[in-house]
Amino acid sequence: MTTPTRCGAPAPPAPDAADEEDLARGLRAADEHTFAAIYRRWAPLVHGMARRSLGDACEAEDVTQQVFLGAWRGREAFRPERGPLGAWLVGITRRRIADALDARTRRLALADAVARGAGPGGAEGGRRRTFWTGWCWSANCPGCRGTSGACCACRSTRI
């Protein structure tokens, strides 16, 4: 049974456990078609983990992209004898989620320091600065409406 994709074309059925060995071999051989099948199979899992952990769809999309880019670049490190391909991807996902949470903490600390009048290098005499952070915490922004998460709608911040 196939399910329609956003474009209306039927998506291929998910591979079974026997096909996982073929996917692992194709990944190690740098086969782009196999990698596309790997993405179709595990991207929903990776994105779901990231979305639940980060609470933000935009950050989850970034993490999903980083996971699969990292998997492609590090495909020589995958060892099928150490575990299944899905478990390897979940491990990469967990590390990328931790990296994203660390980066968020650093961004929030920097924004907090600037809001208090002290930049990363120390006090600035209480001056307010306008600078580009790529994130917004404004109650007037339609994308974030004052939440502490990242904003995909406005991309600038007045702090």
Protein backbone atom coordinates (compact mmCIF):
# COMPACT_ATOMS: atom_id res chain seq x y z
CA MET A 1 0.00 0.00 0.00
CA THR A 2 1.32 3.45 -0.88
CA THR A 3 0.45 6.78 0.64
CA PRO A 4 0.25 10.03 -1.30
CA THR A 5 2.94 12.65 -0.76
CA ARG A 6 2.45 16.42 -0.70
CA CYS A 7 2.87 16.49 -4.47
CA GLY A 8 0.18 13.87 -4.91
CA ALA A 9 2.60 11.21 -6.18
CA PRO A 10 2.45 7.92 -4.30
CA ALA A 11 5.30 7.37 -1.86
CA PRO A 12 7.05 4.02 -2.05
CA PRO A 13 6.29 1.57 0.73
CA ALA A 14 8.65 1.56 3.69
CA PRO A 15 11.34 -1.11 3.42
CA ASP A 16 11.12 -4.10 5.73
CA ALA A 17 13.87 -5.40 8.05
CA ALA A 18 15.49 -7.42 5.26
CA ASP A 19 15.89 -4.27 3.21
CA GLU A 20 17.74 -2.55 6.05
CA GLU A 21 20.89 -4.49 5.17
CA ASP A 22 20.59 -3.26 1.57
CA LEU A 23 20.13 0.30 2.82
CA ALA A 24 23.22 -0.01 5.02
CA ARG A 25 25.27 -1.33 2.10
CA GLY A 26 23.98 1.44 -0.15
CA LEU A 27 24.86 4.09 2.43
CA ARG A 28 28.42 2.78 2.76
CA ALA A 29 28.67 2.72 -1.06
CA ALA A 30 27.51 6.39 -1.27
CA ASP A 31 24.45 5.52 -3.35
CA GLU A 32 22.26 8.65 -3.48
CA HIS A 33 19.08 6.71 -4.31
CA THR A 34 19.60 4.52 -1.28
CA PHE A 35 20.20 7.58 0.84
CA ALA A 36 16.91 9.06 -0.40
CA ALA A 37 15.19 5.85 0.75
CA ILE A 38 16.94 6.13 4.13
CA TYR A 39 15.67 9.69 4.44
CA ARG A 40 12.10 8.70 3.54
CA ARG A 41 12.18 5.93 6.10
CA TRP A 42 13.77 7.67 9.10
CA ALA A 43 13.17 11.42 8.60
CA PRO A 44 9.76 11.30 10.35
CA LEU A 45 11.36 9.64 13.39
CA VAL A 46 14.28 12.08 13.47
CA HIS A 47 12.04 15.12 13.01
CA GLY A 48 9.58 13.87 15.64
CA MET A 49 12.33 13.37 18.20
CA ALA A 50 13.71 16.84 17.51
CA ARG A 51 10.30 18.49 17.59
CA ARG A 52 9.38 16.90 20.91
CA SER A 53 12.75 17.68 22.48
CA LEU A 54 13.11 21.23 21.19
CA GLY A 55 9.47 22.28 21.09
CA ASP A 56 10.04 24.26 17.91
CA ALA A 57 9.32 23.19 14.33
CA CYS A 58 11.99 25.39 12.75
CA GLU A 59 14.75 24.11 15.04
CA ALA A 60 13.50 20.55 14.48
CA GLU A 61 13.80 21.01 10.71
CA ASP A 62 17.35 22.32 11.16
CA VAL A 63 18.27 19.36 13.37
CA THR A 64 16.75 16.91 10.87
CA GLN A 65 18.82 18.43 8.07
CA GLN A 66 21.96 18.34 10.22
CA VAL A 67 21.38 14.70 11.13
CA PHE A 68 21.08 13.53 7.54
CA LEU A 69 23.91 15.73 6.33
CA GLY A 70 26.06 14.33 9.13
CA ALA A 71 25.00 10.79 8.26
CA TRP A 72 25.95 11.31 4.63
CA ARG A 73 29.31 12.87 5.48
CA GLY A 74 30.09 10.29 8.16
CA ARG A 75 28.76 7.23 6.36
CA GLU A 76 32.16 5.51 6.54
CA ALA A 77 31.82 5.50 10.34
CA PHE A 78 28.63 3.41 10.22
CA ARG A 79 29.34 -0.17 11.28
CA PRO A 80 26.40 -2.53 10.66
CA GLU A 81 27.89 -5.12 13.01
CA ARG A 82 27.57 -2.64 15.91
CA GLY A 83 23.85 -2.07 15.43
CA PRO A 84 21.09 -1.22 12.98
CA LEU A 85 21.07 1.85 10.77
CA GLY A 86 18.07 3.33 12.56
CA ALA A 87 19.85 3.17 15.92
CA TRP A 88 22.89 4.91 14.41
CA LEU A 89 20.66 7.71 13.11
CA VAL A 90 18.92 8.02 16.49
CA GLY A 91 22.33 8.40 18.14
CA ILE A 92 23.25 11.19 15.74
CA THR A 93 19.86 12.79 16.39
CA ARG A 94 20.33 12.77 20.16
CA ARG A 95 23.72 14.48 19.83
CA ARG A 96 22.36 17.12 17.43
CA ILE A 97 19.42 17.84 19.74
CA ALA A 98 21.86 18.34 22.63
CA ASP A 99 23.91 20.69 20.43
CA ALA A 100 20.77 22.67 19.53
CA LEU A 101 19.76 22.98 23.18
CA ASP A 102 23.27 24.19 24.08
CA ALA A 103 23.17 26.75 21.27
CA ARG A 104 19.74 27.95 22.42
CA THR A 105 21.06 28.39 25.96
CA ARG A 106 24.01 30.43 24.66
CA ARG A 107 21.70 32.61 22.51
CA LEU A 108 19.36 33.26 25.43
CA ALA A 109 22.27 34.10 27.74
CA LEU A 110 23.68 36.54 25.17
CA ALA A 111 20.30 38.17 24.63
CA ASP A 112 19.84 38.40 28.39
CA ALA A 113 23.26 40.02 28.84
CA VAL A 114 22.56 42.55 26.09
CA ALA A 115 19.12 43.33 27.51
CA ARG A 116 20.72 44.05 30.89
CA GLY A 117 23.18 46.40 29.17
CA ALA A 118 26.17 44.11 29.32
CA GLY A 119 27.41 42.59 26.09
CA PRO A 120 29.52 39.48 25.85
CA GLY A 121 32.60 41.58 26.66
CA GLY A 122 31.20 43.34 29.75
CA ALA A 123 29.07 46.32 30.70
CA GLU A 124 28.13 48.86 28.06
CA GLY A 125 26.94 51.66 30.31
CA GLY A 126 23.27 50.71 30.07
CA ARG A 127 22.96 51.50 26.33
CA ARG A 128 20.32 49.62 24.37
CA ARG A 129 21.51 48.14 21.11
CA THR A 130 19.69 46.92 18.03
CA PHE A 131 21.40 43.90 16.53
CA TRP A 132 20.67 40.87 14.42
CA THR A 133 20.15 37.64 16.32
CA GLY A 134 17.88 35.78 13.92
CA TRP A 135 15.40 35.20 16.76
CA CYS A 136 12.56 37.22 18.23
CA TRP A 137 10.79 37.21 21.56
CA SER A 138 8.39 40.08 20.79
CA ALA A 139 4.76 39.83 21.81
CA ASN A 140 3.87 41.65 18.56
CA CYS A 141 5.49 39.10 16.27
CA PRO A 142 2.94 36.82 14.57
CA GLY A 143 5.45 33.97 14.50
CA CYS A 144 6.42 33.75 18.16
CA ARG A 145 3.84 35.81 20.06
CA GLY A 146 6.18 36.27 23.00
CA THR A 147 7.25 32.66 23.46
CA SER A 148 10.81 31.91 24.44
CA GLY A 149 11.36 29.70 21.40
CA ALA A 150 12.81 30.60 18.04
CA CYS A 151 10.81 32.65 15.56
CA CYS A 152 10.64 31.80 11.88
CA ALA A 153 8.42 34.72 10.90
CA CYS A 154 10.38 37.88 11.69
CA ARG A 155 14.15 37.06 11.74
CA SER A 156 15.18 40.27 13.60
CA THR A 157 15.19 41.48 17.16
CA ARG A 158 15.35 44.82 18.92
CA ILE A 159 17.03 44.31 22.24
